[in-house]
Amino acid sequence: VSLSVSVSPCTRQVPADEVCGCPLVKDVFEPTGEFCRVSKRKCNKHYCWEKLRRAEVDLERVRVWYKLDELFEQERNLRTAMTNRAGLLALMLHQTIQHDPITTDLRSAKDR
């Protein structure tokens, strides 16, 4: 019985002298500053770690874009509020109701 291993043409051939290079961590999330020095061909512990790292970076970019979009929306709302706050149109549209038809002075008694 002969066993043959076929490699698909789309699979990248890893050079024999290339090391894994995966950043090592301690306590799951704390980087140590060291990297895996095992040959990439022999390292089964960090298989395709580069794809996962690229996915993490892309996810972080999406989070930053989402936060930036929220900040732009807040800035737009603040600018709109500031523009409308002291506008002439708001003063012209403001109505004061005179409850006492005899008095023409709209100031309160203590303001006079």
PDB file of N, CA and C in Angstrom:
ATOM      1  N   VAL A   1       0.859  -1.173   0.000  1.00  0.00           N
ATOM      2  CA  VAL A   1       0.000   0.000   0.000  1.00  0.00           C
ATOM      3  C   VAL A   1       0.896   1.223   0.000  1.00  0.00           C
ATOM      4  N   SER A   2       0.702   2.069  -0.956  1.00  0.00           N
ATOM      5  CA  SER A   2       1.499   3.297  -0.994  1.00  0.00           C
ATOM      6  C   SER A   2       0.593   4.487  -0.709  1.00  0.00           C
ATOM      7  N   LEU A   3       1.084   5.354   0.109  1.00  0.00           N
ATOM      8  CA  LEU A   3       0.349   6.566   0.451  1.00  0.00           C
ATOM      9  C   LEU A   3       1.037   7.748  -0.213  1.00  0.00           C
ATOM     10  N   SER A   4       0.269   8.501  -0.897  1.00  0.00           N
ATOM     11  CA  SER A   4       0.856   9.698  -1.510  1.00  0.00           C
ATOM     12  C   SER A   4       0.106  10.918  -0.995  1.00  0.00           C
ATOM     13  N   VAL A   5       0.852  11.940  -0.737  1.00  0.00           N
ATOM     14  CA  VAL A   5       0.270  13.181  -0.247  1.00  0.00           C
ATOM     15  C   VAL A   5       0.243  14.165  -1.408  1.00  0.00           C
ATOM     16  N   SER A   6      -0.934  14.627  -1.714  1.00  0.00           N
ATOM     17  CA  SER A   6      -1.030  15.604  -2.795  1.00  0.00           C
ATOM     18  C   SER A   6      -1.168  16.995  -2.186  1.00  0.00           C
ATOM     19  N   VAL A   7      -0.467  17.913  -2.759  1.00  0.00           N
ATOM     20  CA  VAL A   7      -0.509  19.295  -2.300  1.00  0.00           C
ATOM     21  C   VAL A   7      -1.210  20.105  -3.375  1.00  0.00           C
ATOM     22  N   SER A   8      -2.210  20.861  -2.960  1.00  0.00           N
ATOM     23  CA  SER A   8      -2.935  21.662  -3.940  1.00  0.00           C
ATOM     24  C   SER A   8      -2.030  22.777  -4.448  1.00  0.00           C
ATOM     25  N   PRO A   9      -2.231  23.194  -5.688  1.00  0.00           N
ATOM     26  CA  PRO A   9      -1.350  24.215  -6.256  1.00  0.00           C
ATOM     27  C   PRO A   9      -1.481  25.573  -5.571  1.00  0.00           C
ATOM     28  N   CYS A  10      -2.592  25.804  -4.855  1.00  0.00           N
ATOM     29  CA  CYS A  10      -2.753  27.104  -4.207  1.00  0.00           C
ATOM     30  C   CYS A  10      -2.050  27.168  -2.854  1.00  0.00           C
ATOM     31  N   THR A  11      -1.576  26.060  -2.344  1.00  0.00           N
ATOM     32  CA  THR A  11      -0.892  26.052  -1.050  1.00  0.00           C
ATOM     33  C   THR A  11       0.493  26.654  -1.203  1.00  0.00           C
ATOM     34  N   ARG A  12       0.839  27.560  -0.319  1.00  0.00           N
ATOM     35  CA  ARG A  12       2.140  28.219  -0.363  1.00  0.00           C
ATOM     36  C   ARG A  12       3.188  27.288   0.237  1.00  0.00           C
ATOM     37  N   GLN A  13       4.277  27.126  -0.457  1.00  0.00           N
ATOM     38  CA  GLN A  13       5.369  26.299   0.040  1.00  0.00           C
ATOM     39  C   GLN A  13       6.236  27.144   0.967  1.00  0.00           C
ATOM     40  N   VAL A  14       6.416  26.664   2.196  1.00  0.00           N
ATOM     41  CA  VAL A  14       7.183  27.391   3.201  1.00  0.00           C
ATOM     42  C   VAL A  14       8.642  26.972   3.090  1.00  0.00           C
ATOM     43  N   PRO A  15       9.555  27.953   2.996  1.00  0.00           N
ATOM     44  CA  PRO A  15      10.986  27.604   2.970  1.00  0.00           C
ATOM     45  C   PRO A  15      11.409  26.890   4.256  1.00  0.00           C
ATOM     46  N   ALA A  16      12.399  26.035   4.148  1.00  0.00           N
ATOM     47  CA  ALA A  16      12.836  25.225   5.290  1.00  0.00           C
ATOM     48  C   ALA A  16      13.450  26.071   6.400  1.00  0.00           C
ATOM     49  N   ASP A  17      14.041  27.199   6.070  1.00  0.00           N
ATOM     50  CA  ASP A  17      14.719  28.001   7.087  1.00  0.00           C
ATOM     51  C   ASP A  17      13.826  29.087   7.700  1.00  0.00           C
ATOM     52  N   GLU A  18      12.561  29.167   7.305  1.00  0.00           N
ATOM     53  CA  GLU A  18      11.666  30.197   7.844  1.00  0.00           C
ATOM     54  C   GLU A  18      11.155  29.786   9.222  1.00  0.00           C
ATOM     55  N   VAL A  19      11.259  30.725  10.184  1.00  0.00           N
ATOM     56  CA  VAL A  19      10.787  30.440  11.546  1.00  0.00           C
ATOM     57  C   VAL A  19       9.336  30.870  11.684  1.00  0.00           C
ATOM     58  N   CYS A  20       8.664  30.352  12.700  1.00  0.00           N
ATOM     59  CA  CYS A  20       7.253  30.650  12.943  1.00  0.00           C
ATOM     60  C   CYS A  20       7.054  32.142  13.199  1.00  0.00           C
ATOM     61  N   GLY A  21       7.709  32.701  14.210  1.00  0.00           N
ATOM     62  CA  GLY A  21       7.640  34.127  14.479  1.00  0.00           C
ATOM     63  C   GLY A  21       6.401  34.597  15.200  1.00  0.00           C
ATOM     64  N   CYS A  22       5.602  33.695  15.712  1.00  0.00           N
ATOM     65  CA  CYS A  22       4.383  34.079  16.418  1.00  0.00           C
ATOM     66  C   CYS A  22       4.753  34.769  17.733  1.00  0.00           C
ATOM     67  N   PRO A  23       4.164  35.937  18.027  1.00  0.00           N
ATOM     68  CA  PRO A  23       4.445  36.593  19.305  1.00  0.00           C
ATOM     69  C   PRO A  23       3.958  35.730  20.471  1.00  0.00           C
ATOM     70  N   LEU A  24       4.813  35.497  21.445  1.00  0.00           N
ATOM     71  CA  LEU A  24       4.456  34.672  22.594  1.00  0.00           C
ATOM     72  C   LEU A  24       3.796  35.522  23.669  1.00  0.00           C
ATOM     73  N   VAL A  25       2.827  34.932  24.364  1.00  0.00           N
ATOM     74  CA  VAL A  25       2.099  35.637  25.414  1.00  0.00           C
ATOM     75  C   VAL A  25       2.129  34.817  26.690  1.00  0.00           C
ATOM     76  N   LYS A  26       1.921  35.508  27.810  1.00  0.00           N
ATOM     77  CA  LYS A  26       1.789  34.799  29.081  1.00  0.00           C
ATOM     78  C   LYS A  26       0.449  35.198  29.672  1.00  0.00           C
ATOM     79  N   ASP A  27      -0.173  34.331  30.389  1.00  0.00           N
ATOM     80  CA  ASP A  27      -1.512  34.541  30.947  1.00  0.00           C
ATOM     81  C   ASP A  27      -2.512  34.923  29.859  1.00  0.00           C
ATOM     82  N   VAL A  28      -2.437  34.284  28.733  1.00  0.00           N
ATOM     83  CA  VAL A  28      -3.332  34.378  27.581  1.00  0.00           C
ATOM     84  C   VAL A  28      -3.242  35.705  26.821  1.00  0.00           C
ATOM     85  N   PHE A  29      -3.206  36.852  27.495  1.00  0.00           N
ATOM     86  CA  PHE A  29      -3.282  38.124  26.795  1.00  0.00           C
ATOM     87  C   PHE A  29      -2.070  39.028  26.973  1.00  0.00           C
ATOM     88  N   GLU A  30      -1.159  38.703  27.852  1.00  0.00           N
ATOM     89  CA  GLU A  30      -0.033  39.586  28.163  1.00  0.00           C
ATOM     90  C   GLU A  30       1.181  39.243  27.299  1.00  0.00           C
ATOM     91  N   PRO A  31       1.553  40.126  26.341  1.00  0.00           N
ATOM     92  CA  PRO A  31       2.709  39.825  25.473  1.00  0.00           C
ATOM     93  C   PRO A  31       4.015  39.801  26.259  1.00  0.00           C
ATOM     94  N   THR A  32       4.880  38.883  25.895  1.00  0.00           N
ATOM     95  CA  THR A  32       6.173  38.755  26.582  1.00  0.00           C
ATOM     96  C   THR A  32       7.281  39.498  25.842  1.00  0.00           C
ATOM     97  N   GLY A  33       7.059  39.840  24.571  1.00  0.00           N
ATOM     98  CA  GLY A  33       8.097  40.474  23.773  1.00  0.00           C
ATOM     99  C   GLY A  33       8.976  39.470  23.054  1.00  0.00           C
ATOM    100  N   GLU A  34       8.713  38.184  23.237  1.00  0.00           N
ATOM    101  CA  GLU A  34       9.484  37.133  22.562  1.00  0.00           C
ATOM    102  C   GLU A  34       8.648  36.522  21.454  1.00  0.00           C
ATOM    103  N   PHE A  35       9.325  35.788  20.560  1.00  0.00           N
ATOM    104  CA  PHE A  35       8.666  35.185  19.421  1.00  0.00           C
ATOM    105  C   PHE A  35       9.040  33.716  19.307  1.00  0.00           C
ATOM    106  N   CYS A  36       8.135  32.939  18.725  1.00  0.00           N
ATOM    107  CA  CYS A  36       8.379  31.502  18.526  1.00  0.00           C
ATOM    108  C   CYS A  36       9.508  31.331  17.518  1.00  0.00           C
ATOM    109  N   ARG A  37      10.517  30.525  17.894  1.00  0.00           N
ATOM    110  CA  ARG A  37      11.697  30.334  17.044  1.00  0.00           C
ATOM    111  C   ARG A  37      11.712  28.977  16.351  1.00  0.00           C
ATOM    112  N   VAL A  38      10.634  28.231  16.479  1.00  0.00           N
ATOM    113  CA  VAL A  38      10.556  26.904  15.853  1.00  0.00           C
ATOM    114  C   VAL A  38      10.368  27.098  14.347  1.00  0.00           C
ATOM    115  N   SER A  39      10.850  26.167  13.572  1.00  0.00           N
ATOM    116  CA  SER A  39      10.664  26.219  12.125  1.00  0.00           C
ATOM    117  C   SER A  39       9.175  26.233  11.811  1.00  0.00           C
ATOM    118  N   LYS A  40       8.794  27.041  10.830  1.00  0.00           N
ATOM    119  CA  LYS A  40       7.379  27.169  10.480  1.00  0.00           C
ATOM    120  C   LYS A  40       6.794  25.831  10.028  1.00  0.00           C
ATOM    121  N   ARG A  41       7.609  25.003   9.402  1.00  0.00           N
ATOM    122  CA  ARG A  41       7.142  23.678   8.954  1.00  0.00           C
ATOM    123  C   ARG A  41       6.827  22.753  10.133  1.00  0.00           C
ATOM    124  N   LYS A  42       7.550  22.923  11.235  1.00  0.00           N
ATOM    125  CA  LYS A  42       7.394  22.013  12.374  1.00  0.00           C
ATOM    126  C   LYS A  42       6.477  22.558  13.469  1.00  0.00           C
ATOM    127  N   CYS A  43       6.154  23.831  13.424  1.00  0.00           N
ATOM    128  CA  CYS A  43       5.350  24.430  14.492  1.00  0.00           C
ATOM    129  C   CYS A  43       3.863  24.193  14.236  1.00  0.00           C
ATOM    130  N   ASN A  44       3.282  23.288  15.022  1.00  0.00           N
ATOM    131  CA  ASN A  44       1.845  23.024  14.911  1.00  0.00           C
ATOM    132  C   ASN A  44       1.042  23.854  15.907  1.00  0.00           C
ATOM    133  N   LYS A  45       1.729  24.429  16.879  1.00  0.00           N
ATOM    134  CA  LYS A  45       1.049  25.193  17.921  1.00  0.00           C
ATOM    135  C   LYS A  45       0.494  26.522  17.404  1.00  0.00           C
ATOM    136  N   HIS A  46       1.204  27.124  16.438  1.00  0.00           N
ATOM    137  CA  HIS A  46       0.806  28.446  15.934  1.00  0.00           C
ATOM    138  C   HIS A  46       0.424  28.382  14.455  1.00  0.00           C
ATOM    139  N   TYR A  47      -0.317  27.377  14.071  1.00  0.00           N
ATOM    140  CA  TYR A  47      -0.692  27.188  12.676  1.00  0.00           C
ATOM    141  C   TYR A  47      -1.562  28.361  12.192  1.00  0.00           C
ATOM    142  N   CYS A  48      -1.184  28.996  11.112  1.00  0.00           N
ATOM    143  CA  CYS A  48      -1.893  30.123  10.473  1.00  0.00           C
ATOM    144  C   CYS A  48      -2.130  31.290  11.433  1.00  0.00           C
ATOM    145  N   TRP A  49      -1.179  31.563  12.302  1.00  0.00           N
ATOM    146  CA  TRP A  49      -1.361  32.657  13.254  1.00  0.00           C
ATOM    147  C   TRP A  49      -1.381  34.017  12.559  1.00  0.00           C
ATOM    148  N   GLU A  50      -0.722  34.125  11.389  1.00  0.00           N
ATOM    149  CA  GLU A  50      -0.703  35.400  10.678  1.00  0.00           C
ATOM    150  C   GLU A  50      -2.101  35.800  10.205  1.00  0.00           C
ATOM    151  N   LYS A  51      -2.891  34.827   9.737  1.00  0.00           N
ATOM    152  CA  LYS A  51      -4.261  35.124   9.303  1.00  0.00           C
ATOM    153  C   LYS A  51      -5.105  35.618  10.474  1.00  0.00           C
ATOM    154  N   LEU A  52      -4.947  34.988  11.622  1.00  0.00           N
ATOM    155  CA  LEU A  52      -5.696  35.420  12.799  1.00  0.00           C
ATOM    156  C   LEU A  52      -5.272  36.820  13.230  1.00  0.00           C
ATOM    157  N   ARG A  53      -3.978  37.101  13.154  1.00  0.00           N
ATOM    158  CA  ARG A  53      -3.490  38.434  13.537  1.00  0.00           C
ATOM    159  C   ARG A  53      -4.026  39.499  12.590  1.00  0.00           C
ATOM    160  N   ARG A  54      -4.044  39.193  11.275  1.00  0.00           N
ATOM    161  CA  ARG A  54      -4.610  40.133  10.305  1.00  0.00           C
ATOM    162  C   ARG A  54      -6.084  40.375  10.576  1.00  0.00           C
ATOM    163  N   ALA A  55      -6.815  39.321  10.961  1.00  0.00           N
ATOM    164  CA  ALA A  55      -8.233  39.466  11.283  1.00  0.00           C
ATOM    165  C   ALA A  55      -8.412  40.352  12.515  1.00  0.00           C
ATOM    166  N   GLU A  56      -7.555  40.204  13.524  1.00  0.00           N
ATOM    167  CA  GLU A  56      -7.617  41.056  14.720  1.00  0.00           C
ATOM    168  C   GLU A  56      -7.376  42.519  14.359  1.00  0.00           C
ATOM    169  N   VAL A  57      -6.400  42.763  13.492  1.00  0.00           N
ATOM    170  CA  VAL A  57      -6.086  44.134  13.079  1.00  0.00           C
ATOM    171  C   VAL A  57      -7.264  44.728  12.315  1.00  0.00           C
ATOM    172  N   ASP A  58      -7.866  43.943  11.410  1.00  0.00           N
ATOM    173  CA  ASP A  58      -9.028  44.421  10.659  1.00  0.00           C
ATOM    174  C   ASP A  58     -10.196  44.724  11.585  1.00  0.00           C
ATOM    175  N   LEU A  59     -10.414  43.882  12.575  1.00  0.00           N
ATOM    176  CA  LEU A  59     -11.496  44.113  13.534  1.00  0.00           C
ATOM    177  C   LEU A  59     -11.247  45.392  14.333  1.00  0.00           C
ATOM    178  N   GLU A  60     -10.011  45.623  14.714  1.00  0.00           N
ATOM    179  CA  GLU A  60      -9.675  46.844  15.448  1.00  0.00           C
ATOM    180  C   GLU A  60      -9.898  48.072  14.570  1.00  0.00           C
ATOM    181  N   ARG A  61      -9.567  47.973  13.287  1.00  0.00           N
ATOM    182  CA  ARG A  61      -9.825  49.082  12.365  1.00  0.00           C
ATOM    183  C   ARG A  61     -11.312  49.385  12.275  1.00  0.00           C
ATOM    184  N   VAL A  62     -12.138  48.357  12.187  1.00  0.00           N
ATOM    185  CA  VAL A  62     -13.587  48.554  12.108  1.00  0.00           C
ATOM    186  C   VAL A  62     -14.096  49.225  13.375  1.00  0.00           C
ATOM    187  N   ARG A  63     -13.591  48.812  14.518  1.00  0.00           N
ATOM    188  CA  ARG A  63     -13.990  49.436  15.786  1.00  0.00           C
ATOM    189  C   ARG A  63     -13.608  50.914  15.827  1.00  0.00           C
ATOM    190  N   VAL A  64     -12.410  51.229  15.344  1.00  0.00           N
ATOM    191  CA  VAL A  64     -11.957  52.621  15.335  1.00  0.00           C
ATOM    192  C   VAL A  64     -12.808  53.444  14.378  1.00  0.00           C
ATOM    193  N   TRP A  65     -13.119  52.893  13.189  1.00  0.00           N
ATOM    194  CA  TRP A  65     -13.969  53.613  12.241  1.00  0.00           C
ATOM    195  C   TRP A  65     -15.353  53.848  12.827  1.00  0.00           C
ATOM    196  N   TYR A  66     -15.883  52.866  13.531  1.00  0.00           N
ATOM    197  CA  TYR A  66     -17.205  53.006  14.145  1.00  0.00           C
ATOM    198  C   TYR A  66     -17.185  54.108  15.210  1.00  0.00           C
ATOM    199  N   LYS A  67     -16.141  54.117  16.032  1.00  0.00           N
ATOM    200  CA  LYS A  67     -16.008  55.138  17.071  1.00  0.00           C
ATOM    201  C   LYS A  67     -15.838  56.517  16.438  1.00  0.00           C
ATOM    202  N   LEU A  68     -15.046  56.609  15.369  1.00  0.00           N
ATOM    203  CA  LEU A  68     -14.840  57.867  14.670  1.00  0.00           C
ATOM    204  C   LEU A  68     -16.155  58.368  14.069  1.00  0.00           C
ATOM    205  N   ASP A  69     -16.945  57.474  13.524  1.00  0.00           N
ATOM    206  CA  ASP A  69     -18.243  57.839  12.970  1.00  0.00           C
ATOM    207  C   ASP A  69     -19.159  58.393  14.066  1.00  0.00           C
ATOM    208  N   GLU A  70     -19.149  57.758  15.237  1.00  0.00           N
ATOM    209  CA  GLU A  70     -19.942  58.254  16.366  1.00  0.00           C
ATOM    210  C   GLU A  70     -19.483  59.655  16.784  1.00  0.00           C
ATOM    211  N   LEU A  71     -18.172  59.879  16.822  1.00  0.00           N
ATOM    212  CA  LEU A  71     -17.644  61.186  17.212  1.00  0.00           C
ATOM    213  C   LEU A  71     -18.004  62.259  16.188  1.00  0.00           C
ATOM    214  N   PHE A  72     -17.969  61.932  14.898  1.00  0.00           N
ATOM    215  CA  PHE A  72     -18.380  62.893  13.868  1.00  0.00           C
ATOM    216  C   PHE A  72     -19.853  63.243  14.008  1.00  0.00           C
ATOM    217  N   GLU A  73     -20.677  62.245  14.329  1.00  0.00           N
ATOM    218  CA  GLU A  73     -22.109  62.493  14.530  1.00  0.00           C
ATOM    219  C   GLU A  73     -22.331  63.410  15.740  1.00  0.00           C
ATOM    220  N   GLN A  74     -21.605  63.178  16.832  1.00  0.00           N
ATOM    221  CA  GLN A  74     -21.716  64.047  18.008  1.00  0.00           C
ATOM    222  C   GLN A  74     -21.278  65.470  17.681  1.00  0.00           C
ATOM    223  N   GLU A  75     -20.182  65.601  16.919  1.00  0.00           N
ATOM    224  CA  GLU A  75     -19.706  66.927  16.547  1.00  0.00           C
ATOM    225  C   GLU A  75     -20.741  67.651  15.686  1.00  0.00           C
ATOM    226  N   ARG A  76     -21.352  66.938  14.745  1.00  0.00           N
ATOM    227  CA  ARG A  76     -22.376  67.539  13.893  1.00  0.00           C
ATOM    228  C   ARG A  76     -23.566  68.002  14.727  1.00  0.00           C
ATOM    229  N   ASN A  77     -23.990  67.181  15.678  1.00  0.00           N
ATOM    230  CA  ASN A  77     -25.115  67.558  16.550  1.00  0.00           C
ATOM    231  C   ASN A  77     -24.774  68.790  17.393  1.00  0.00           C
ATOM    232  N   LEU A  78     -23.550  68.843  17.915  1.00  0.00           N
ATOM    233  CA  LEU A  78     -23.142  70.003  18.711  1.00  0.00           C
ATOM    234  C   LEU A  78     -23.076  71.275  17.867  1.00  0.00           C
ATOM    235  N   ARG A  79     -22.534  71.163  16.671  1.00  0.00           N
ATOM    236  CA  ARG A  79     -22.459  72.339  15.790  1.00  0.00           C
ATOM    237  C   ARG A  79     -23.855  72.832  15.415  1.00  0.00           C
ATOM    238  N   THR A  80     -24.768  71.900  15.154  1.00  0.00           N
ATOM    239  CA  THR A  80     -26.148  72.283  14.841  1.00  0.00           C
ATOM    240  C   THR A  80     -26.790  72.981  16.033  1.00  0.00           C
ATOM    241  N   ALA A  81     -26.580  72.444  17.228  1.00  0.00           N
ATOM    242  CA  ALA A  81     -27.135  73.055  18.439  1.00  0.00           C
ATOM    243  C   ALA A  81     -26.549  74.442  18.665  1.00  0.00           C
ATOM    244  N   MET A  82     -25.237  74.601  18.444  1.00  0.00           N
ATOM    245  CA  MET A  82     -24.601  75.903  18.631  1.00  0.00           C
ATOM    246  C   MET A  82     -25.104  76.916  17.597  1.00  0.00           C
ATOM    247  N   THR A  83     -25.324  76.467  16.387  1.00  0.00           N
ATOM    248  CA  THR A  83     -25.813  77.358  15.342  1.00  0.00           C
ATOM    249  C   THR A  83     -27.226  77.830  15.653  1.00  0.00           C
ATOM    250  N   ASN A  84     -28.062  76.942  16.147  1.00  0.00           N
ATOM    251  CA  ASN A  84     -29.457  77.277  16.420  1.00  0.00           C
ATOM    252  C   ASN A  84     -29.645  78.013  17.739  1.00  0.00           C
ATOM    253  N   ARG A  85     -28.655  77.977  18.604  1.00  0.00           N
ATOM    254  CA  ARG A  85     -28.814  78.519  19.945  1.00  0.00           C
ATOM    255  C   ARG A  85     -29.036  80.031  19.946  1.00  0.00           C
ATOM    256  N   ALA A  86     -28.231  80.795  19.240  1.00  0.00           N
ATOM    257  CA  ALA A  86     -28.320  82.251  19.320  1.00  0.00           C
ATOM    258  C   ALA A  86     -28.681  82.860  17.971  1.00  0.00           C
ATOM    259  N   GLY A  87     -29.418  82.151  17.159  1.00  0.00           N
ATOM    260  CA  GLY A  87     -29.756  82.652  15.840  1.00  0.00           C
ATOM    261  C   GLY A  87     -30.875  83.682  15.881  1.00  0.00           C
ATOM    262  N   LEU A  88     -30.890  84.546  14.870  1.00  0.00           N
ATOM    263  CA  LEU A  88     -31.903  85.584  14.760  1.00  0.00           C
ATOM    264  C   LEU A  88     -33.272  84.972  14.516  1.00  0.00           C
ATOM    265  N   LEU A  89     -33.312  83.895  13.775  1.00  0.00           N
ATOM    266  CA  LEU A  89     -34.581  83.230  13.490  1.00  0.00           C
ATOM    267  C   LEU A  89     -35.251  82.752  14.769  1.00  0.00           C
ATOM    268  N   ALA A  90     -34.479  82.215  15.690  1.00  0.00           N
ATOM    269  CA  ALA A  90     -35.050  81.756  16.964  1.00  0.00           C
ATOM    270  C   ALA A  90     -35.629  82.928  17.747  1.00  0.00           C
ATOM    271  N   LEU A  91     -34.954  84.091  17.709  1.00  0.00           N
ATOM    272  CA  LEU A  91     -35.474  85.270  18.406  1.00  0.00           C
ATOM    273  C   LEU A  91     -36.752  85.794  17.763  1.00  0.00           C
ATOM    274  N   MET A  92     -36.799  85.746  16.435  1.00  0.00           N
ATOM    275  CA  MET A  92     -37.978  86.248  15.729  1.00  0.00           C
ATOM    276  C   MET A  92     -39.184  85.327  15.916  1.00  0.00           C
ATOM    277  N   LEU A  93     -38.938  84.048  16.038  1.00  0.00           N
ATOM    278  CA  LEU A  93     -40.033  83.096  16.192  1.00  0.00           C
ATOM    279  C   LEU A  93     -40.505  82.959  17.635  1.00  0.00           C
ATOM    280  N   HIS A  94     -39.729  83.484  18.572  1.00  0.00           N
ATOM    281  CA  HIS A  94     -40.089  83.389  19.980  1.00  0.00           C
ATOM    282  C   HIS A  94     -41.306  84.269  20.259  1.00  0.00           C
ATOM    283  N   GLN A  95     -42.296  83.721  20.939  1.00  0.00           N
ATOM    284  CA  GLN A  95     -43.515  84.481  21.242  1.00  0.00           C
ATOM    285  C   GLN A  95     -43.678  84.584  22.755  1.00  0.00           C
ATOM    286  N   THR A  96     -44.044  85.795  23.206  1.00  0.00           N
ATOM    287  CA  THR A  96     -44.343  86.013  24.609  1.00  0.00           C
ATOM    288  C   THR A  96     -45.834  86.259  24.721  1.00  0.00           C
ATOM    289  N   ILE A  97     -46.479  85.544  25.589  1.00  0.00           N
ATOM    290  CA  ILE A  97     -47.918  85.678  25.762  1.00  0.00           C
ATOM    291  C   ILE A  97     -48.192  86.696  26.869  1.00  0.00           C
ATOM    292  N   GLN A  98     -49.009  87.677  26.547  1.00  0.00           N
ATOM    293  CA  GLN A  98     -49.380  88.694  27.521  1.00  0.00           C
ATOM    294  C   GLN A  98     -50.688  88.257  28.184  1.00  0.00           C
ATOM    295  N   HIS A  99     -50.593  87.848  29.439  1.00  0.00           N
ATOM    296  CA  HIS A  99     -51.756  87.326  30.150  1.00  0.00           C
ATOM    297  C   HIS A  99     -52.672  88.430  30.684  1.00  0.00           C
ATOM    298  N   ASP A 100     -52.120  89.583  30.957  1.00  0.00           N
ATOM    299  CA  ASP A 100     -52.907  90.702  31.483  1.00  0.00           C
ATOM    300  C   ASP A 100     -53.073  91.732  30.361  1.00  0.00           C
ATOM    301  N   PRO A 101     -54.261  91.848  29.789  1.00  0.00           N
ATOM    302  CA  PRO A 101     -54.435  92.750  28.642  1.00  0.00           C
ATOM    303  C   PRO A 101     -54.320  94.231  29.006  1.00  0.00           C
ATOM    304  N   ILE A 102     -54.433  94.563  30.276  1.00  0.00           N
ATOM    305  CA  ILE A 102     -54.359  95.962  30.693  1.00  0.00           C
ATOM    306  C   ILE A 102     -52.908  96.453  30.669  1.00  0.00           C
ATOM    307  N   THR A 103     -51.981  95.611  31.087  1.00  0.00           N
ATOM    308  CA  THR A 103     -50.583  95.989  31.184  1.00  0.00           C
ATOM    309  C   THR A 103     -49.893  95.791  29.825  1.00  0.00           C
ATOM    310  N   THR A 104     -49.199  96.814  29.362  1.00  0.00           N
ATOM    311  CA  THR A 104     -48.438  96.693  28.113  1.00  0.00           C
ATOM    312  C   THR A 104     -46.969  96.337  28.396  1.00  0.00           C
ATOM    313  N   ASP A 105     -46.537  96.524  29.638  1.00  0.00           N
ATOM    314  CA  ASP A 105     -45.163  96.220  30.022  1.00  0.00           C
ATOM    315  C   ASP A 105     -45.082  94.734  30.373  1.00  0.00           C
ATOM    316  N   LEU A 106     -44.243  93.984  29.649  1.00  0.00           N
ATOM    317  CA  LEU A 106     -44.162  92.535  29.857  1.00  0.00           C
ATOM    318  C   LEU A 106     -43.154  92.137  30.930  1.00  0.00           C
ATOM    319  N   ARG A 107     -42.450  93.116  31.504  1.00  0.00           N
ATOM    320  CA  ARG A 107     -41.497  92.782  32.572  1.00  0.00           C
ATOM    321  C   ARG A 107     -42.250  92.448  33.835  1.00  0.00           C
ATOM    322  N   SER A 108     -41.637  91.619  34.679  1.00  0.00           N
ATOM    323  CA  SER A 108     -42.251  91.295  35.951  1.00  0.00           C
ATOM    324  C   SER A 108     -42.129  92.488  36.880  1.00  0.00           C
ATOM    325  N   ALA A 109     -42.867  92.459  37.979  1.00  0.00           N
ATOM    326  CA  ALA A 109     -42.904  93.574  38.923  1.00  0.00           C
ATOM    327  C   ALA A 109     -41.520  93.839  39.525  1.00  0.00           C
ATOM    328  N   LYS A 110     -40.745  92.804  39.790  1.00  0.00           N
ATOM    329  CA  LYS A 110     -39.432  93.001  40.414  1.00  0.00           C
ATOM    330  C   LYS A 110     -38.390  93.529  39.421  1.00  0.00           C
ATOM    331  N   ASP A 111     -38.610  93.344  38.091  1.00  0.00           N
ATOM    332  CA  ASP A 111     -37.676  93.855  37.091  1.00  0.00           C
ATOM    333  C   ASP A 111     -37.862  95.352  36.830  1.00  0.00           C
ATOM    334  N   ARG A 112     -38.977  95.940  37.209  1.00  0.00           N
ATOM    335  CA  ARG A 112     -39.267  97.354  36.925  1.00  0.00           C
ATOM    336  C   ARG A 112     -38.552  98.287  37.829  1.00  0.00           C
TER     337      ARG A 112
END
